[in-house]
Amino acid sequence: MKDLPKWLREYGGERTSYESFGGAPDWFWAAIDAIRAAPELAEAALNSLPRERLRQFYFAYRELTDELYGDYCDDERGWHEDDILTASSWVVNQGEPFYRAVYEDLRLYPDPSEVPPSDLSGLVAEVSRKRFGEELCG
């Protein structure tokens, strides 16, 4: 796809012949993998995405975290909503193979107290606000 930045095309973002697991496009998972490989470059990487791709990244990310979130909204575990979001975001950030494994076997879902906060949707929203003056939410 020509509107993808070079770093993402080179990382594998050109594979667009099918939708990957979770309904997120392949370029999304390629971006997650690239950011995981160099987290210190996450903001720069997201800043290089065109406006529409940034929006698509945000909503794909939120949808994937929400898919896991619903399975853990109960009182038995004593987890708060923010804890569940932290764990769900961490799962997405580990990439498609791990996300798929957790989705298919929820026993692999991490204890929120054992993973660091790593919600990329906030960073994406900040990049969108700074670059385009657009608030992303939902």
C-alpha atoms as a PDB file:
ATOM      1  CA  MET A   1       0.000   0.000   0.000  1.00  0.00           C
ATOM      2  CA  LYS A   2       1.522   3.242  -1.112  1.00  0.00           C
ATOM      3  CA  ASP A   3       0.169   5.301   1.785  1.00  0.00           C
ATOM      4  CA  LEU A   4       2.081   3.244   4.344  1.00  0.00           C
ATOM      5  CA  PRO A   5       5.385   4.705   5.521  1.00  0.00           C
ATOM      6  CA  LYS A   6       8.559   3.014   4.313  1.00  0.00           C
ATOM      7  CA  TRP A   7       9.378   1.534   7.750  1.00  0.00           C
ATOM      8  CA  LEU A   8       6.028  -0.231   7.827  1.00  0.00           C
ATOM      9  CA  ARG A   9       6.146  -1.422   4.208  1.00  0.00           C
ATOM     10  CA  GLU A  10       9.574  -2.875   4.890  1.00  0.00           C
ATOM     11  CA  TYR A  11       8.391  -4.514   8.096  1.00  0.00           C
ATOM     12  CA  GLY A  12       5.745  -6.483   6.244  1.00  0.00           C
ATOM     13  CA  GLY A  13       2.873  -4.048   5.955  1.00  0.00           C
ATOM     14  CA  GLU A  14       2.395  -4.674   2.244  1.00  0.00           C
ATOM     15  CA  ARG A  15       0.621  -7.980   2.837  1.00  0.00           C
ATOM     16  CA  THR A  16      -2.970  -6.930   2.285  1.00  0.00           C
ATOM     17  CA  SER A  17      -4.459  -9.866   0.445  1.00  0.00           C
ATOM     18  CA  TYR A  18      -6.475 -11.027   3.442  1.00  0.00           C
ATOM     19  CA  GLU A  19      -7.645  -9.865   6.821  1.00  0.00           C
ATOM     20  CA  SER A  20      -5.665 -11.326   9.670  1.00  0.00           C
ATOM     21  CA  PHE A  21      -6.942 -12.633  12.965  1.00  0.00           C
ATOM     22  CA  GLY A  22      -9.164 -10.348  14.975  1.00  0.00           C
ATOM     23  CA  GLY A  23     -10.327  -8.407  11.933  1.00  0.00           C
ATOM     24  CA  ALA A  24      -7.261  -6.147  12.039  1.00  0.00           C
ATOM     25  CA  PRO A  25      -5.403  -5.756   8.749  1.00  0.00           C
ATOM     26  CA  ASP A  26      -1.944  -7.207   8.341  1.00  0.00           C
ATOM     27  CA  TRP A  27      -0.334  -3.752   8.334  1.00  0.00           C
ATOM     28  CA  PHE A  28      -1.747  -3.187  11.843  1.00  0.00           C
ATOM     29  CA  TRP A  29      -0.031  -6.299  13.192  1.00  0.00           C
ATOM     30  CA  ALA A  30       3.164  -5.363  11.330  1.00  0.00           C
ATOM     31  CA  ALA A  31       3.060  -1.960  13.072  1.00  0.00           C
ATOM     32  CA  ILE A  32       2.526  -3.633  16.454  1.00  0.00           C
ATOM     33  CA  ASP A  33       5.526  -5.894  15.793  1.00  0.00           C
ATOM     34  CA  ALA A  34       7.701  -2.956  14.741  1.00  0.00           C
ATOM     35  CA  ILE A  35       6.714  -0.906  17.801  1.00  0.00           C
ATOM     36  CA  ARG A  36       7.313  -3.886  20.090  1.00  0.00           C
ATOM     37  CA  ALA A  37      10.773  -4.336  18.562  1.00  0.00           C
ATOM     38  CA  ALA A  38      11.668  -0.676  19.191  1.00  0.00           C
ATOM     39  CA  PRO A  39       9.254   0.805  21.762  1.00  0.00           C
ATOM     40  CA  GLU A  40      11.344   3.949  22.110  1.00  0.00           C
ATOM     41  CA  LEU A  41      10.410   4.758  18.493  1.00  0.00           C
ATOM     42  CA  ALA A  42       6.651   4.250  18.936  1.00  0.00           C
ATOM     43  CA  GLU A  43       5.725   7.929  18.836  1.00  0.00           C
ATOM     44  CA  ALA A  44       7.903   8.610  15.792  1.00  0.00           C
ATOM     45  CA  ALA A  45       6.476   5.555  14.042  1.00  0.00           C
ATOM     46  CA  LEU A  46       2.899   6.618  14.738  1.00  0.00           C
ATOM     47  CA  ASN A  47       3.697  10.166  13.650  1.00  0.00           C
ATOM     48  CA  SER A  48       4.705   8.814  10.238  1.00  0.00           C
ATOM     49  CA  LEU A  49       1.290   7.266   9.562  1.00  0.00           C
ATOM     50  CA  PRO A  50      -1.078   9.196   7.296  1.00  0.00           C
ATOM     51  CA  ARG A  51      -4.195  10.553   9.023  1.00  0.00           C
ATOM     52  CA  GLU A  52      -6.551   7.805   7.873  1.00  0.00           C
ATOM     53  CA  ARG A  53      -4.089   5.036   8.768  1.00  0.00           C
ATOM     54  CA  LEU A  54      -3.645   6.553  12.217  1.00  0.00           C
ATOM     55  CA  ARG A  55      -7.420   6.514  12.691  1.00  0.00           C
ATOM     56  CA  GLN A  56      -7.608   2.927  11.451  1.00  0.00           C
ATOM     57  CA  PHE A  57      -4.811   1.910  13.820  1.00  0.00           C
ATOM     58  CA  TYR A  58      -6.600   3.529  16.761  1.00  0.00           C
ATOM     59  CA  PHE A  59      -9.950   1.866  16.113  1.00  0.00           C
ATOM     60  CA  ALA A  60      -8.410  -1.552  15.345  1.00  0.00           C
ATOM     61  CA  TYR A  61      -6.416  -1.346  18.582  1.00  0.00           C
ATOM     62  CA  ARG A  62      -9.472  -0.400  20.614  1.00  0.00           C
ATOM     63  CA  GLU A  63     -11.577  -3.128  19.013  1.00  0.00           C
ATOM     64  CA  LEU A  64      -8.992  -5.794  19.768  1.00  0.00           C
ATOM     65  CA  THR A  65      -8.604  -4.745  23.406  1.00  0.00           C
ATOM     66  CA  ASP A  66     -12.384  -4.604  23.779  1.00  0.00           C
ATOM     67  CA  GLU A  67     -12.693  -8.158  22.429  1.00  0.00           C
ATOM     68  CA  LEU A  68     -10.721  -9.446  25.418  1.00  0.00           C
ATOM     69  CA  TYR A  69     -12.065  -6.925  27.896  1.00  0.00           C
ATOM     70  CA  GLY A  70     -15.615  -8.270  27.855  1.00  0.00           C
ATOM     71  CA  ASP A  71     -14.539 -11.720  28.991  1.00  0.00           C
ATOM     72  CA  TYR A  72     -13.060 -10.354  32.202  1.00  0.00           C
ATOM     73  CA  CYS A  73     -15.736  -7.952  33.365  1.00  0.00           C
ATOM     74  CA  ASP A  74     -16.872  -9.828  36.420  1.00  0.00           C
ATOM     75  CA  ASP A  75     -16.606  -9.429  40.159  1.00  0.00           C
ATOM     76  CA  GLU A  76     -15.016 -12.806  40.914  1.00  0.00           C
ATOM     77  CA  ARG A  77     -11.460 -11.721  40.175  1.00  0.00           C
ATOM     78  CA  GLY A  78     -11.735  -8.327  41.857  1.00  0.00           C
ATOM     79  CA  TRP A  79     -10.111  -6.597  38.876  1.00  0.00           C
ATOM     80  CA  HIS A  80     -11.046  -3.010  38.129  1.00  0.00           C
ATOM     81  CA  GLU A  81     -11.839  -1.806  34.618  1.00  0.00           C
ATOM     82  CA  ASP A  82      -8.480  -0.051  34.327  1.00  0.00           C
ATOM     83  CA  ASP A  83      -6.695  -3.268  35.310  1.00  0.00           C
ATOM     84  CA  ILE A  84      -8.509  -5.210  32.621  1.00  0.00           C
ATOM     85  CA  LEU A  85      -7.679  -2.562  30.027  1.00  0.00           C
ATOM     86  CA  THR A  86      -4.009  -2.705  31.057  1.00  0.00           C
ATOM     87  CA  ALA A  87      -3.882  -6.473  30.605  1.00  0.00           C
ATOM     88  CA  SER A  88      -5.862  -6.438  27.331  1.00  0.00           C
ATOM     89  CA  SER A  89      -3.610  -3.729  25.877  1.00  0.00           C
ATOM     90  CA  TRP A  90      -0.528  -5.679  26.879  1.00  0.00           C
ATOM     91  CA  VAL A  91      -1.878  -8.767  25.094  1.00  0.00           C
ATOM     92  CA  VAL A  92      -2.450  -6.802  21.865  1.00  0.00           C
ATOM     93  CA  ASN A  93       1.037  -5.305  22.137  1.00  0.00           C
ATOM     94  CA  GLN A  94       2.576  -8.799  22.146  1.00  0.00           C
ATOM     95  CA  GLY A  95       1.486  -9.306  18.534  1.00  0.00           C
ATOM     96  CA  GLU A  96      -0.953 -11.389  16.575  1.00  0.00           C
ATOM     97  CA  PRO A  97       0.275 -14.895  17.522  1.00  0.00           C
ATOM     98  CA  PHE A  98       0.024 -14.176  21.247  1.00  0.00           C
ATOM     99  CA  TYR A  99      -3.294 -12.351  20.843  1.00  0.00           C
ATOM    100  CA  ARG A 100      -4.654 -15.342  18.936  1.00  0.00           C
ATOM    101  CA  ALA A 101      -3.436 -17.741  21.638  1.00  0.00           C
ATOM    102  CA  VAL A 102      -5.088 -15.725  24.429  1.00  0.00           C
ATOM    103  CA  TYR A 103      -8.280 -15.252  22.433  1.00  0.00           C
ATOM    104  CA  GLU A 104      -8.520 -19.004  21.904  1.00  0.00           C
ATOM    105  CA  ASP A 105      -7.487 -19.947  25.456  1.00  0.00           C
ATOM    106  CA  LEU A 106      -8.458 -17.294  27.980  1.00  0.00           C
ATOM    107  CA  ARG A 107      -6.486 -19.082  30.686  1.00  0.00           C
ATOM    108  CA  LEU A 108      -3.469 -17.373  29.108  1.00  0.00           C
ATOM    109  CA  TYR A 109      -4.897 -13.941  29.939  1.00  0.00           C
ATOM    110  CA  PRO A 110      -2.373 -12.259  32.234  1.00  0.00           C
ATOM    111  CA  ASP A 111      -3.001 -11.032  35.731  1.00  0.00           C
ATOM    112  CA  PRO A 112      -3.185  -7.226  35.342  1.00  0.00           C
ATOM    113  CA  SER A 113      -0.879  -6.737  38.333  1.00  0.00           C
ATOM    114  CA  GLU A 114       1.885  -8.616  36.496  1.00  0.00           C
ATOM    115  CA  VAL A 115       2.035  -6.576  33.282  1.00  0.00           C
ATOM    116  CA  PRO A 116       3.172  -2.983  32.749  1.00  0.00           C
ATOM    117  CA  PRO A 117       0.739  -0.332  31.531  1.00  0.00           C
ATOM    118  CA  SER A 118       1.161  -0.152  27.769  1.00  0.00           C
ATOM    119  CA  ASP A 119      -2.004   1.210  26.175  1.00  0.00           C
ATOM    120  CA  LEU A 120      -1.033   2.510  22.735  1.00  0.00           C
ATOM    121  CA  SER A 121      -4.463   4.006  22.080  1.00  0.00           C
ATOM    122  CA  GLY A 122      -3.625   6.963  24.328  1.00  0.00           C
ATOM    123  CA  LEU A 123      -0.418   7.627  22.408  1.00  0.00           C
ATOM    124  CA  VAL A 124      -2.242   7.341  19.074  1.00  0.00           C
ATOM    125  CA  ALA A 125      -4.919   9.773  20.300  1.00  0.00           C
ATOM    126  CA  GLU A 126      -2.215  12.226  21.403  1.00  0.00           C
ATOM    127  CA  VAL A 127      -0.455  12.004  18.023  1.00  0.00           C
ATOM    128  CA  SER A 128      -3.768  12.602  16.244  1.00  0.00           C
ATOM    129  CA  ARG A 129      -4.581  15.592  18.445  1.00  0.00           C
ATOM    130  CA  LYS A 130      -1.144  17.179  17.925  1.00  0.00           C
ATOM    131  CA  ARG A 131      -0.838  16.531  14.192  1.00  0.00           C
ATOM    132  CA  PHE A 132      -4.386  16.904  12.977  1.00  0.00           C
ATOM    133  CA  GLY A 133      -6.316  18.579  15.795  1.00  0.00           C
ATOM    134  CA  GLU A 134      -8.586  15.529  15.794  1.00  0.00           C
ATOM    135  CA  GLU A 135      -9.800  13.871  18.973  1.00  0.00           C
ATOM    136  CA  LEU A 136      -9.972  10.101  18.722  1.00  0.00           C
ATOM    137  CA  CYS A 137     -12.193   8.351  21.221  1.00  0.00           C
ATOM    138  CA  GLY A 138     -14.480   5.405  21.427  1.00  0.00           C
END
